[in-house]
Amino acid sequence: MKSSVSCALRAAIVGFLCAAIAVACNTSSPVEVDSTFEAALEESWLEASPLQIDLGATSTSASITLKTSYRRRVSWTASENASWLSLEKSSGSVRRGSPIKIPLSVERDGLPAGDYSTSVTISSTKGTETVDVRLSVATSGTTTFSVSPQQLDFGSTATSLSVTLKNTSSKSLSWNASEGVGWLGLNTMSGTISANSQKTVVISISRTGKTAGTYSTNVKFSAGTAGSGTVTANMTVPSSSGTVLLAGQLVNQFTGAALQGITVQYGGKTATTNSSGMFTISGSPVSTLQQLTLSGSGVYKRVTFARTGDSKWGVIPSSFNITAFNDVARDEWGSSTVRWVTRPTIYVDSRPEGFSSSEMSTWISQVKVQAAEFVSKWSGTVIQPSSVIVTSSPPADLTTGTIVIHISDNSSDFGGSSGAIGYARLSQNSDRSIRSSAVWLRYSLYPGTTKADKRKGILGHELGHAMGLGHMDRDMVSLMQPSIGTKTDLLEFDRQVASFVYTRSPSNTSPDTDSSASFLGALAPSAAPVSREWVCEAGEDQP
């Protein structure tokens, strides 16, 4: 079966509707729903929840709730085939009105780094349910060791900064550090970290006796087979006059690699970055923002603002498809970007609108987890939701600081369309910061475990709109294409778009120029909000 969606973009004085989803636009084609749709609406005799369990990088246990609506006791068996997963119960019975839990646990020790997934199959004569279980292992070995941050910029004045060593395993581990320059030192070079805990290490520098310029070195931390980490430390020694106007480092926006040979123009002076991406411009310090221009071979010119003390900037490599970026992130906003500058609260409306389905609770549990993940991903992890709240009485749509998500089958919620399967609406302030968003999902067209990925793709697409993105109308493969097909998550291009938008000020213009009126840290006062919206009709959804 092919389902489809066709989009009709419309603007209102107060409207920016961003709808939906999944599909290429053709308003004349009806939505086709196969026989499994009606069957899925019938009451299930055996139901498991949640249908997806993501244990992430640290969790070791979870549980599956099993219930039945059958009038008699139903016997069941559970099976799984992953060596790292164990079920506390593999068989039993359940009766109506008395749900049971099947605890599960995982053993991470000994697993190589990577992502793992398996399925738990729960079978009975009254139905079969499949629960997907996923986890990730950050480092190989029996323990997990990490170091953050991986970059310390002391600038021209700081003398001590700290890093965090983290042990996320169930065992204690020993670690040691090494460094090879005389101007840097650690408050401790080795030690032990208890299970599931962390330790702070202070790194100090001395500029005494050093000539003016920029310096960089690596500090290596190791915990044997548990893993290792490298921290790059950069410092600037001011000129003999003792003053530095601006000093710092330029890196590739997407990889973090240092950029050599980039021209830096600031305060009427010019410098060029060295092999570590570092530069120094002498002069009297300033506390007010002044224009900073970064340009050179292999990068897009960046025009932004800085003051003395700022120390690191990302630059977009010229290999990045800026035309496709403009299409998805700027064109529908008048050649500039919009973005959240505060952490929104997500509300998931637990009231089904216009339908009844035993799957509603499952859908809500999936949306609750996935919504927080998508908000983080669509902002390049810059914005984390302040909370995700499931409620039967959410705040009014477009309440300041909120993203409200509805699951509905009412055509009136989709601009009167009986074929739309998703709809999003966004309200922005005059400074191009996002004020609020609302999303509607027509999950009733994609019921059952086999359609879980399609539902996830719809949610991810709509939340992309809620985070400030339009449709990708070019050939670039993206979750924001009107036809999402089988895509369920951000693609590499999408992740780069998110990193770009959310490390710039709202109202960033093509190709990479910030507006002084909306520069982060100096946002103009918000005027009356403006909203826009898209709605999508039925069309052919291509994979």
Protein backbone atom coordinates (compact mmCIF):
# COMPACT_ATOMS: atom_id res chain seq x y z
CA MET A 1 0.00 0.00 0.00
CA LYS A 2 1.14 3.49 -0.72
CA SER A 3 -0.09 6.40 1.37
CA SER A 4 0.57 9.90 0.34
CA VAL A 5 0.46 13.49 1.10
CA SER A 6 0.49 16.54 -1.08
CA CYS A 7 1.33 19.94 0.17
CA ALA A 8 -0.35 23.25 -0.32
CA LEU A 9 1.67 26.06 1.20
CA ARG A 10 -0.37 28.94 2.42
CA ALA A 11 0.47 31.97 4.52
CA ALA A 12 -1.76 33.95 6.84
CA ILE A 13 -1.16 37.29 8.49
CA VAL A 14 -0.86 35.37 11.67
CA GLY A 15 -0.25 32.04 10.27
CA PHE A 16 2.59 29.73 9.55
CA LEU A 17 1.26 26.28 9.23
CA CYS A 18 3.62 23.64 8.71
CA ALA A 19 1.96 20.54 8.15
CA ALA A 20 2.84 17.58 7.68
CA ILE A 21 4.62 15.17 6.46
CA ALA A 22 5.27 12.20 4.91
CA VAL A 23 4.83 12.90 1.39
CA ALA A 24 4.83 14.45 -2.03
CA CYS A 25 1.96 16.71 -2.82
CA ASN A 26 -1.11 15.93 -4.93
CA THR A 27 -4.39 17.28 -3.66
CA SER A 28 -6.54 15.17 -5.98
CA SER A 29 -5.41 11.72 -4.85
CA PRO A 30 -7.27 10.02 -1.99
CA VAL A 31 -5.60 8.32 0.95
CA GLU A 32 -5.59 4.55 0.57
CA VAL A 33 -5.83 2.43 3.69
CA ASP A 34 -5.54 -1.37 3.40
CA SER A 35 -7.52 -3.97 5.31
CA THR A 36 -5.01 -4.00 8.16
CA PHE A 37 -6.23 -0.53 9.14
CA GLU A 38 -9.70 -1.67 10.13
CA ALA A 39 -8.33 -4.78 11.81
CA ALA A 40 -5.95 -2.68 13.89
CA LEU A 41 -8.84 -0.66 15.23
CA GLU A 42 -10.44 -3.73 16.74
CA GLU A 43 -9.81 -4.52 20.38
CA SER A 44 -6.60 -6.47 20.84
CA TRP A 45 -6.68 -9.58 23.05
CA LEU A 46 -2.99 -9.35 23.87
CA GLU A 47 -1.17 -6.04 24.15
CA ALA A 48 2.40 -5.23 25.20
CA SER A 49 3.78 -1.79 26.01
CA PRO A 50 6.01 -0.07 25.30
CA LEU A 51 6.79 -1.51 21.88
CA GLN A 52 10.20 0.18 21.79
CA ILE A 53 12.71 0.24 24.64
CA ASP A 54 15.88 2.30 24.25
CA LEU A 55 18.33 1.67 27.10
CA GLY A 56 20.79 4.23 25.75
CA ALA A 57 24.40 4.09 26.90
CA THR A 58 23.90 3.45 30.62
CA SER A 59 20.57 1.83 31.57
CA THR A 60 20.66 -1.87 32.43
CA SER A 61 17.01 -2.73 33.14
CA ALA A 62 13.45 -2.04 32.02
CA SER A 63 10.12 -3.85 31.92
CA ILE A 64 7.36 -4.75 29.48
CA THR A 65 3.72 -4.43 30.58
CA LEU A 66 1.42 -7.15 29.25
CA LYS A 67 -2.38 -6.96 29.36
CA THR A 68 -5.40 -8.56 27.72
CA SER A 69 -8.99 -7.62 27.02
CA TYR A 70 -10.03 -11.24 26.52
CA ARG A 71 -12.68 -12.49 28.95
CA ARG A 72 -10.58 -15.50 30.00
CA ARG A 73 -7.04 -15.91 31.25
CA VAL A 74 -4.53 -15.91 28.37
CA SER A 75 -1.31 -17.95 28.53
CA TRP A 76 1.79 -16.46 26.93
CA THR A 77 5.45 -17.20 26.19
CA ALA A 78 8.29 -14.74 25.60
CA SER A 79 11.46 -15.33 23.62
CA GLU A 80 14.59 -13.38 22.65
CA ASN A 81 17.89 -14.39 21.08
CA ALA A 82 20.45 -11.76 22.15
CA SER A 83 23.19 -12.95 24.50
CA TRP A 84 23.23 -9.59 26.28
CA LEU A 85 19.49 -9.57 27.09
CA SER A 86 17.75 -11.59 29.82
CA LEU A 87 14.05 -11.91 30.68
CA GLU A 88 13.04 -12.50 34.28
CA LYS A 89 9.92 -14.32 33.03
CA SER A 90 9.61 -16.32 29.84
CA SER A 91 6.05 -17.61 30.26
CA GLY A 92 2.93 -17.11 32.30
CA SER A 93 -0.65 -15.99 32.02
CA VAL A 94 -2.52 -12.70 32.17
CA ARG A 95 -6.15 -11.91 32.76
CA ARG A 96 -8.33 -8.93 31.98
CA GLY A 97 -7.98 -6.07 34.44
CA SER A 98 -4.70 -7.39 35.91
CA PRO A 99 -1.71 -6.35 33.78
CA ILE A 100 1.63 -7.99 34.52
CA LYS A 101 5.21 -6.83 34.08
CA ILE A 102 8.04 -8.75 32.42
CA PRO A 103 11.31 -7.36 33.83
CA LEU A 104 14.33 -7.46 31.51
CA SER A 105 18.00 -6.72 32.09
CA VAL A 106 21.12 -6.35 29.94
CA GLU A 107 24.78 -7.16 30.50
CA ARG A 108 27.02 -4.53 28.90
CA ASP A 109 30.38 -5.82 30.12
CA GLY A 110 32.39 -7.37 27.32
CA LEU A 111 30.37 -5.81 24.49
CA PRO A 112 32.44 -3.97 21.84
CA ALA A 113 31.56 -0.35 21.14
CA GLY A 114 28.53 0.10 18.90
CA ASP A 115 24.74 0.04 18.70
CA TYR A 116 22.77 -3.12 19.48
CA SER A 117 19.17 -4.10 18.87
CA THR A 118 17.01 -7.18 19.28
CA SER A 119 13.36 -8.11 19.62
CA VAL A 120 11.34 -9.76 22.37
CA THR A 121 8.48 -11.81 20.91
CA ILE A 122 5.48 -12.43 23.16
CA SER A 123 3.14 -15.10 21.78
CA SER A 124 -0.22 -16.57 22.71
CA THR A 125 -3.22 -18.08 21.00
CA LYS A 126 -4.83 -14.65 21.28
CA GLY A 127 -2.14 -12.61 19.60
CA THR A 128 1.55 -11.86 19.20
CA GLU A 129 3.41 -8.71 20.15
CA THR A 130 6.99 -7.70 19.28
CA VAL A 131 9.01 -5.32 21.47
CA ASP A 132 12.19 -3.76 20.05
CA VAL A 133 15.06 -3.35 22.54
CA ARG A 134 18.07 -1.15 21.80
CA LEU A 135 21.24 -0.08 23.58
CA SER A 136 24.57 1.50 22.76
CA VAL A 137 28.07 0.84 24.08
CA ALA A 138 30.34 3.87 23.99
CA THR A 139 33.68 2.09 24.45
CA SER A 140 34.84 -1.49 24.32
CA GLY A 141 35.97 -3.45 27.34
CA THR A 142 34.37 -4.16 30.66
CA THR A 143 34.06 -0.52 31.75
CA THR A 144 33.26 2.81 30.15
CA PHE A 145 35.51 5.85 30.49
CA SER A 146 35.01 9.30 28.98
CA VAL A 147 36.56 12.76 29.24
CA SER A 148 34.79 16.10 28.70
CA PRO A 149 35.16 18.70 27.42
CA GLN A 150 37.70 17.75 24.78
CA GLN A 151 38.77 21.35 24.22
CA LEU A 152 39.99 23.91 26.78
CA ASP A 153 40.51 27.50 25.62
CA PHE A 154 42.38 29.56 28.22
CA GLY A 155 42.39 32.64 26.02
CA SER A 156 44.71 35.42 27.15
CA THR A 157 43.72 35.61 30.83
CA ALA A 158 42.44 32.33 32.29
CA THR A 159 44.93 30.24 34.29
CA SER A 160 42.92 27.18 35.35
CA LEU A 161 40.06 25.16 33.90
CA SER A 162 38.71 21.70 34.67
CA VAL A 163 37.74 18.50 32.88
CA THR A 164 35.43 15.71 34.04
CA LEU A 165 36.44 12.04 33.96
CA LYS A 166 33.41 9.78 33.96
CA ASN A 167 33.04 6.06 34.69
CA THR A 168 29.61 4.79 33.58
CA SER A 169 30.25 1.11 34.32
CA SER A 170 29.41 -1.04 37.32
CA LYS A 171 33.09 -1.40 38.27
CA SER A 172 35.73 0.99 39.56
CA LEU A 173 38.68 1.79 37.31
CA SER A 174 42.15 3.30 37.49
CA TRP A 175 43.28 6.12 35.21
CA ASN A 176 46.38 8.17 34.46
CA ALA A 177 47.23 11.31 32.52
CA SER A 178 50.22 12.45 30.46
CA GLU A 179 51.33 15.79 29.01
CA GLY A 180 54.64 17.05 27.70
CA VAL A 181 54.94 20.84 27.99
CA GLY A 182 56.35 22.93 30.79
CA TRP A 183 53.60 25.57 30.78
CA LEU A 184 50.77 23.18 31.70
CA GLY A 185 50.11 21.09 34.81
CA LEU A 186 47.38 18.92 36.43
CA ASN A 187 46.37 18.85 40.08
CA THR A 188 46.58 15.04 39.91
CA MET A 189 48.07 12.74 37.28
CA SER A 190 46.35 9.47 38.26
CA GLY A 191 43.67 7.98 40.46
CA THR A 192 40.65 5.72 40.76
CA ILE A 193 37.02 6.42 39.87
CA SER A 194 34.27 4.45 41.61
CA ALA A 195 31.54 2.70 39.64
CA ASN A 196 28.97 5.01 38.04
CA SER A 197 30.69 8.16 39.25
CA GLN A 198 32.94 10.95 38.01
CA LYS A 199 35.98 12.99 39.03
CA THR A 200 37.06 16.57 38.32
CA VAL A 201 40.65 17.25 37.31
CA VAL A 202 41.96 20.83 37.32
CA ILE A 203 44.35 21.84 34.51
CA SER A 204 46.46 24.96 35.08
CA ILE A 205 48.75 26.96 32.81
CA SER A 206 51.57 29.48 33.28
CA ARG A 207 52.40 32.21 30.78
CA THR A 208 55.55 33.27 32.67
CA GLY A 209 58.58 33.47 30.39
CA LYS A 210 56.61 32.73 27.22
CA THR A 211 56.83 35.01 24.21
CA ALA A 212 53.69 36.57 22.75
CA GLY A 213 51.64 34.23 20.61
CA THR A 214 49.26 31.26 20.73
CA TYR A 215 50.12 27.84 22.18
CA SER A 216 48.41 24.47 21.97
CA THR A 217 49.07 21.02 23.44
CA ASN A 218 47.27 17.74 24.14
CA VAL A 219 46.64 16.12 27.52
CA LYS A 220 45.98 12.38 27.26
CA PHE A 221 43.86 10.46 29.77
CA SER A 222 43.79 6.66 29.78
CA ALA A 223 41.92 3.99 31.72
CA GLY A 224 43.37 0.95 29.95
CA THR A 225 40.82 -1.22 28.17
CA ALA A 226 38.05 0.99 29.55
CA GLY A 227 38.96 3.70 27.06
CA SER A 228 40.87 6.93 26.72
CA GLY A 229 40.40 10.58 25.87
CA THR A 230 42.43 13.54 24.65
CA VAL A 231 41.91 17.13 25.73
CA THR A 232 43.38 19.92 23.58
CA ALA A 233 44.48 22.93 25.63
CA ASN A 234 44.99 26.32 23.93
CA MET A 235 46.32 29.52 25.44
CA THR A 236 47.36 32.96 24.26
CA VAL A 237 50.28 34.99 25.59
CA PRO A 238 49.62 38.72 25.09
CA SER A 239 52.15 40.98 23.42
CA SER A 240 54.65 42.89 25.57
CA SER A 241 52.16 45.74 25.85
CA GLY A 242 50.04 43.33 27.87
CA THR A 243 46.88 43.84 25.80
CA VAL A 244 44.96 41.52 23.48
CA LEU A 245 41.97 42.74 21.49
CA LEU A 246 40.80 39.30 20.35
CA ALA A 247 42.32 35.82 20.39
CA GLY A 248 40.93 32.36 19.79
CA GLN A 249 40.52 29.41 17.45
CA LEU A 250 38.62 28.66 14.24
CA VAL A 251 37.30 25.15 13.59
CA ASN A 252 35.25 23.27 11.01
CA GLN A 253 31.62 23.66 12.11
CA PHE A 254 30.82 19.98 11.57
CA THR A 255 34.01 18.09 12.42
CA GLY A 256 35.69 20.39 14.96
CA ALA A 257 38.97 20.20 13.03
CA ALA A 258 41.27 23.23 13.36
CA LEU A 259 41.33 25.53 10.30
CA GLN A 260 44.69 26.92 9.18
CA GLY A 261 45.18 29.95 6.94
CA ILE A 262 41.82 31.61 7.61
CA THR A 263 41.83 35.41 7.58
CA VAL A 264 40.41 37.09 10.68
CA GLN A 265 39.34 40.75 10.45
CA TYR A 266 38.39 42.54 13.66
CA GLY A 267 38.67 46.09 14.98
CA GLY A 268 40.33 47.29 11.79
CA LYS A 269 43.11 44.70 12.14
CA THR A 270 43.85 41.41 10.39
CA ALA A 271 45.36 38.07 11.52
CA THR A 272 45.72 34.59 10.01
CA THR A 273 45.13 31.32 11.86
CA ASN A 274 48.08 28.95 12.45
CA SER A 275 48.18 25.16 12.11
CA SER A 276 46.11 24.84 15.30
CA GLY A 277 43.50 27.27 14.02
CA MET A 278 44.66 29.86 16.57
CA PHE A 279 45.10 33.63 16.10
CA THR A 280 45.83 36.74 18.18
CA ILE A 281 45.01 40.39 17.46
CA SER A 282 46.74 42.90 19.72
CA GLY A 283 45.00 46.00 21.00
CA SER A 284 42.99 47.40 23.86
CA PRO A 285 40.22 45.05 25.07
CA VAL A 286 36.60 45.96 24.27
CA SER A 287 33.42 44.98 26.11
CA THR A 288 30.99 45.83 23.32
CA LEU A 289 30.22 43.70 20.27
CA GLN A 290 32.13 44.54 17.11
CA GLN A 291 31.95 42.97 13.66
CA LEU A 292 34.12 39.89 13.09
CA THR A 293 34.76 38.61 9.56
CA LEU A 294 36.24 35.17 8.86
CA SER A 295 37.20 34.21 5.30
CA GLY A 296 39.55 32.03 3.32
CA SER A 297 39.98 29.13 0.93
CA GLY A 298 37.71 26.15 1.53
CA VAL A 299 35.15 27.91 3.73
CA TYR A 300 32.09 30.12 3.38
CA LYS A 301 32.71 33.68 4.52
CA ARG A 302 31.28 34.27 7.98
CA VAL A 303 30.26 37.71 9.25
CA THR A 304 29.35 37.81 12.93
CA PHE A 305 30.10 39.75 16.12
CA ALA A 306 32.52 39.34 19.04
CA ARG A 307 33.96 41.07 22.05
CA THR A 308 37.27 40.59 23.89
CA GLY A 309 37.14 37.29 25.73
CA ASP A 310 35.24 35.34 23.06
CA SER A 311 37.54 32.55 21.94
CA LYS A 312 36.09 30.01 19.48
CA TRP A 313 34.14 30.09 16.22
CA GLY A 314 32.84 27.45 13.81
CA VAL A 315 33.11 28.05 10.07
CA ILE A 316 31.12 26.27 7.36
CA PRO A 317 33.25 24.32 4.85
CA SER A 318 32.63 25.20 1.21
CA SER A 319 31.83 21.53 0.49
CA PHE A 320 28.54 21.98 2.37
CA ASN A 321 25.51 22.38 0.08
CA ILE A 322 24.48 25.90 1.01
CA THR A 323 21.77 25.98 -1.69
CA ALA A 324 19.99 23.02 -0.12
CA PHE A 325 20.47 24.57 3.32
CA ASN A 326 18.85 27.81 2.19
CA ASP A 327 15.91 25.83 0.80
CA VAL A 328 15.13 24.07 4.08
CA ALA A 329 16.26 26.66 6.62
CA ARG A 330 15.93 30.13 5.08
CA ASP A 331 13.79 30.47 1.97
CA GLU A 332 10.43 29.97 3.68
CA TRP A 333 11.38 32.58 6.27
CA GLY A 334 12.41 35.35 3.90
CA SER A 335 16.08 34.40 3.43
CA SER A 336 16.94 34.11 7.12
CA THR A 337 16.67 31.46 9.83
CA VAL A 338 14.40 31.12 12.86
CA ARG A 339 15.24 29.14 16.01
CA TRP A 340 14.42 28.62 19.66
CA VAL A 341 16.61 30.60 22.05
CA THR A 342 14.97 29.16 25.20
CA ARG A 343 14.14 25.61 26.28
CA PRO A 344 10.52 24.76 25.36
CA THR A 345 8.25 22.60 27.49
CA ILE A 346 6.69 19.76 25.48
CA TYR A 347 3.10 18.79 26.23
CA VAL A 348 1.66 15.54 24.80
CA ASP A 349 -2.14 15.72 24.71
CA SER A 350 -3.43 12.35 25.98
CA ARG A 351 -6.95 12.89 24.63
CA PRO A 352 -7.72 11.08 21.34
CA GLU A 353 -9.53 13.46 19.02
CA GLY A 354 -12.12 12.00 16.69
CA PHE A 355 -11.30 8.31 17.14
CA SER A 356 -10.91 5.50 19.67
CA SER A 357 -8.06 3.00 19.64
CA SER A 358 -6.49 0.64 22.14
CA GLU A 359 -3.14 1.80 20.76
CA MET A 360 -3.48 5.35 22.07
CA SER A 361 -1.45 4.69 25.23
CA THR A 362 1.28 3.03 23.16
CA TRP A 363 1.42 5.96 20.76
CA ILE A 364 1.68 8.44 23.64
CA SER A 365 4.53 6.51 25.29
CA GLN A 366 6.41 6.47 21.99
CA VAL A 367 5.82 10.17 21.33
CA LYS A 368 6.95 11.13 24.85
CA VAL A 369 10.37 9.54 24.33
CA GLN A 370 10.83 10.40 20.66
CA ALA A 371 9.75 14.06 20.98
CA ALA A 372 12.50 14.91 23.45
CA GLU A 373 15.06 13.12 21.27
CA PHE A 374 13.98 14.96 18.10
CA VAL A 375 14.02 18.40 19.78
CA SER A 376 17.58 17.74 20.90
CA LYS A 377 18.66 16.46 17.48
CA TRP A 378 16.98 19.26 15.50
CA SER A 379 18.89 21.82 17.61
CA GLY A 380 22.27 20.08 17.35
CA THR A 381 21.87 19.23 21.08
CA VAL A 382 21.93 22.96 21.91
CA ILE A 383 18.29 22.97 23.08
CA GLN A 384 16.99 20.30 25.44
CA PRO A 385 13.29 20.43 26.38
CA SER A 386 12.77 21.62 29.94
CA SER A 387 10.33 18.74 30.38
CA VAL A 388 7.93 16.44 28.51
CA ILE A 389 4.49 16.31 30.10
CA VAL A 390 1.69 13.89 29.16
CA THR A 391 -1.63 15.47 30.12
CA SER A 392 -5.33 15.57 29.27
CA SER A 393 -5.34 19.34 29.81
CA PRO A 394 -2.38 20.89 27.96
CA PRO A 395 -2.03 24.67 27.70
CA ALA A 396 -3.65 26.42 24.78
CA ASP A 397 -1.87 25.94 21.47
CA LEU A 398 0.86 28.51 20.79
CA THR A 399 1.27 29.39 24.47
CA THR A 400 4.68 31.03 24.85
CA GLY A 401 7.50 28.57 25.50
CA THR A 402 5.55 25.42 24.57
CA ILE A 403 5.39 22.71 21.93
CA VAL A 404 1.98 21.01 22.17
CA ILE A 405 1.55 17.65 20.40
CA HIS A 406 -1.91 16.27 19.56
CA ILE A 407 -2.96 12.88 18.16
CA SER A 408 -6.09 13.48 16.13
CA ASP A 409 -8.35 12.15 13.40
CA ASN A 410 -10.43 15.33 13.11
CA SER A 411 -10.09 16.86 9.66
CA SER A 412 -10.73 20.27 11.23
CA ASP A 413 -7.36 19.93 12.99
CA PHE A 414 -5.67 19.52 9.60
CA GLY A 415 -7.02 22.58 7.85
CA GLY A 416 -10.20 20.73 6.87
CA SER A 417 -8.29 18.07 4.97
CA SER A 418 -9.38 14.45 5.26
CA GLY A 419 -6.09 13.30 3.74
CA ALA A 420 -3.47 15.15 5.80
CA ILE A 421 -1.51 12.94 8.18
CA GLY A 422 0.48 15.63 9.97
CA TYR A 423 0.30 19.36 10.62
CA ALA A 424 2.56 21.83 12.39
CA ARG A 425 2.17 25.46 13.30
CA LEU A 426 4.86 27.83 14.54
CA SER A 427 4.80 31.30 16.05
CA GLN A 428 7.89 33.53 15.89
CA ASN A 429 8.88 36.83 17.45
CA SER A 430 10.10 39.82 15.45
CA ASP A 431 13.71 38.93 16.23
CA ARG A 432 13.19 35.55 14.50
CA SER A 433 13.27 33.61 17.76
CA ILE A 434 10.55 30.95 18.03
CA ARG A 435 7.80 31.77 20.50
CA SER A 436 5.77 28.53 20.40
CA SER A 437 4.79 25.57 18.22
CA ALA A 438 2.00 23.03 17.92
CA VAL A 439 1.87 19.68 16.12
CA TRP A 440 -0.98 17.37 15.08
CA LEU A 441 -0.40 13.70 14.17
CA ARG A 442 -2.84 11.46 12.29
CA TYR A 443 -1.53 8.19 13.67
CA SER A 444 -4.86 6.43 13.06
CA LEU A 445 -3.76 5.98 9.44
CA TYR A 446 -0.64 4.08 10.53
CA PRO A 447 -1.65 1.70 13.36
CA GLY A 448 0.11 -1.43 14.57
CA THR A 449 3.68 -2.42 15.29
CA THR A 450 4.60 -2.65 11.60
CA LYS A 451 3.82 1.07 11.15
CA ALA A 452 5.82 2.28 14.19
CA ASP A 453 8.68 3.52 12.01
CA LYS A 454 6.29 5.48 9.79
CA ARG A 455 4.78 7.16 12.85
CA LYS A 456 8.27 8.06 14.09
CA GLY A 457 9.13 9.59 10.72
CA ILE A 458 5.97 11.70 10.79
CA LEU A 459 6.75 12.98 14.28
CA GLY A 460 10.37 13.76 13.39
CA HIS A 461 9.32 15.69 10.29
CA GLU A 462 6.69 17.74 12.10
CA LEU A 463 9.03 18.57 14.97
CA GLY A 464 11.57 19.71 12.38
CA HIS A 465 9.00 22.34 11.42
CA ALA A 466 8.38 23.12 15.10
CA MET A 467 12.11 23.76 15.51
CA GLY A 468 12.29 26.23 12.61
CA LEU A 469 12.74 24.26 9.38
CA GLY A 470 10.69 24.27 6.21
CA HIS A 471 10.36 21.62 3.49
CA MET A 472 13.33 20.35 1.48
CA ASP A 473 12.08 20.88 -2.07
CA ARG A 474 15.36 19.99 -3.80
CA ASP A 475 16.97 16.63 -4.50
CA MET A 476 18.94 16.59 -1.24
CA VAL A 477 17.91 13.56 0.83
CA SER A 478 16.44 14.86 4.10
CA LEU A 479 13.82 14.00 6.69
CA MET A 480 12.30 17.38 5.75
CA GLN A 481 11.47 16.28 2.19
CA PRO A 482 7.67 16.43 1.68
CA SER A 483 7.87 12.71 0.87
CA ILE A 484 9.69 11.04 3.76
CA GLY A 485 9.24 7.46 2.54
CA THR A 486 10.96 5.07 4.94
CA LYS A 487 13.10 7.71 6.69
CA THR A 488 12.74 7.62 10.48
CA ASP A 489 15.52 9.89 11.73
CA LEU A 490 17.73 12.83 10.81
CA LEU A 491 20.18 12.16 8.00
CA GLU A 492 23.74 13.51 7.96
CA PHE A 493 22.65 16.61 6.04
CA ASP A 494 19.89 17.22 8.59
CA ARG A 495 22.36 16.99 11.47
CA GLN A 496 24.61 19.52 9.78
CA VAL A 497 21.63 21.83 9.21
CA ALA A 498 20.74 21.57 12.90
CA SER A 499 24.32 22.34 13.94
CA PHE A 500 24.41 25.32 11.58
CA VAL A 501 21.08 26.87 12.63
CA TYR A 502 21.53 26.40 16.36
CA THR A 503 25.08 27.73 16.63
CA ARG A 504 24.02 30.96 14.94
CA SER A 505 21.72 33.76 15.97
CA PRO A 506 18.11 33.75 14.80
CA SER A 507 17.79 35.74 11.57
CA ASN A 508 21.16 34.49 10.25
CA THR A 509 21.23 35.32 6.54
CA SER A 510 22.73 33.78 3.42
CA PRO A 511 25.31 32.52 3.22
CA ASP A 512 26.48 33.00 6.84
CA THR A 513 25.88 36.54 8.04
CA ASP A 514 24.45 37.37 11.47
CA SER A 515 22.12 40.29 12.09
CA SER A 516 23.24 42.81 14.69
CA ALA A 517 19.60 43.17 15.79
CA SER A 518 19.22 39.49 16.71
CA PHE A 519 22.74 38.47 17.64
CA LEU A 520 22.69 36.05 20.56
CA GLY A 521 23.36 37.85 23.80
CA ALA A 522 21.88 41.06 22.44
CA LEU A 523 18.42 40.02 21.24
CA ALA A 524 16.12 42.84 20.26
CA PRO A 525 12.91 43.14 22.33
CA SER A 526 10.15 40.94 20.92
CA ALA A 527 7.26 42.57 19.14
CA ALA A 528 3.88 40.99 18.35
CA PRO A 529 4.36 37.38 17.30
CA VAL A 530 3.79 36.24 13.73
CA SER A 531 2.84 32.70 12.78
CA ARG A 532 2.87 30.66 9.58
CA GLU A 533 1.56 27.27 8.64
CA TRP A 534 1.64 24.53 6.00
CA VAL A 535 -0.97 21.85 5.31
CA CYS A 536 -0.44 18.70 3.23
CA GLU A 537 -3.04 16.75 1.30
CA ALA A 538 -2.99 13.18 0.06
CA GLY A 539 -0.47 12.30 -2.61
CA GLU A 540 1.94 9.50 -3.37
CA ASP A 541 4.51 8.81 -0.67
CA GLN A 542 7.68 7.62 -2.37
CA PRO A 543 10.33 5.69 -0.42
